[in-house]
Amino acid sequence: MPLSKNDIKYIKSLRLKKFRQKYDNFVVEGDKIVRELLQQRPEWVESVYALDEWVPTLSPVQTKIETVPRAQLSQASLLKTPNQAIAIVRQQRADWKKWPLSEQLSIYLEDLQDPGNLGTILRIADWFGIPNVLCSPQSVDLYNPKVIQASMGAFLRVHYAEATLSEIQELHPGLPVFATVMEGENVFQAELPANGLLAIGNEGSGLSDDALQRADRKISVPPARGAGAESLNAAIATGIICAVLKNKAGGQLS
């Protein structure tokens, strides 16, 4: 069934946060991610549009899929290179106050702005079995299409919510907070507990003074002697620190 002009206009409008908020929906696009969505979270799906030849390649699913011509799928696509399927998905509201944060390692992102960084950090959390990522309200929107693409499906498995560090600490007053800074304890040498909150700051300005004051420990990834780079990308630093923390905790890392 062909897409109408209004359908295409609606899908493309979800590129913008104000329309994602208005309709409470977002777009998931691409062969691999839409497949994972239909297998893992079919209850989130409102509608799916796909090429006729793509549908028979799917494992059996309960979700109805509308087949559309390639030209129309390209018109609706939010990607530079259109893919084989587009899903319209309902936004989810997680109640983070029920999460057992004191019993786990979680990630807190303060005012992160780059959608690629957020998506990659979700993917890192997924890889290392870190169940929760919390973001300050000023951080980039989870449902930004670039976040969804960069997450490579991790948004389906990692719990995500918005909260302030003060709100988290009010509910979990004994939760250790590890703040990432340029000049902190060497994360490879520091003795750190297995559970806690790893706090990552804004790409340009790092963590706020308030967050640093609330932190129990300040940690860093030290550069090699003679290194020329001034700093690490937020997502890269997060990946390194998560690997170290999980390894110290006896995670399944060799």
Foldseek 3Di string as FASTA:
>chain_A
DADDPVNLVLLQVLLDPVSCVVVQKFKDFADQQVLCCQVQPVVFFDAKEFAPVSVVVHDDGPGDHHYYDPVRQVSSDPDPDHHGMMTIGGHDADDCLPPPQQVAEEEEEELAEDLLLLLLLLLLCQVQVHAEYEYAPNHDDCRNNNSSVNVSNSVSGHHYYYDDPVVVCVSVVVAAEEFEDQDFAALLPDDDDLGHYYYWYYQPPTDDPVVVVSHPGYYYHDDDPPDDDPDDGRNVRSNVNSVSSCVSNVHPDD
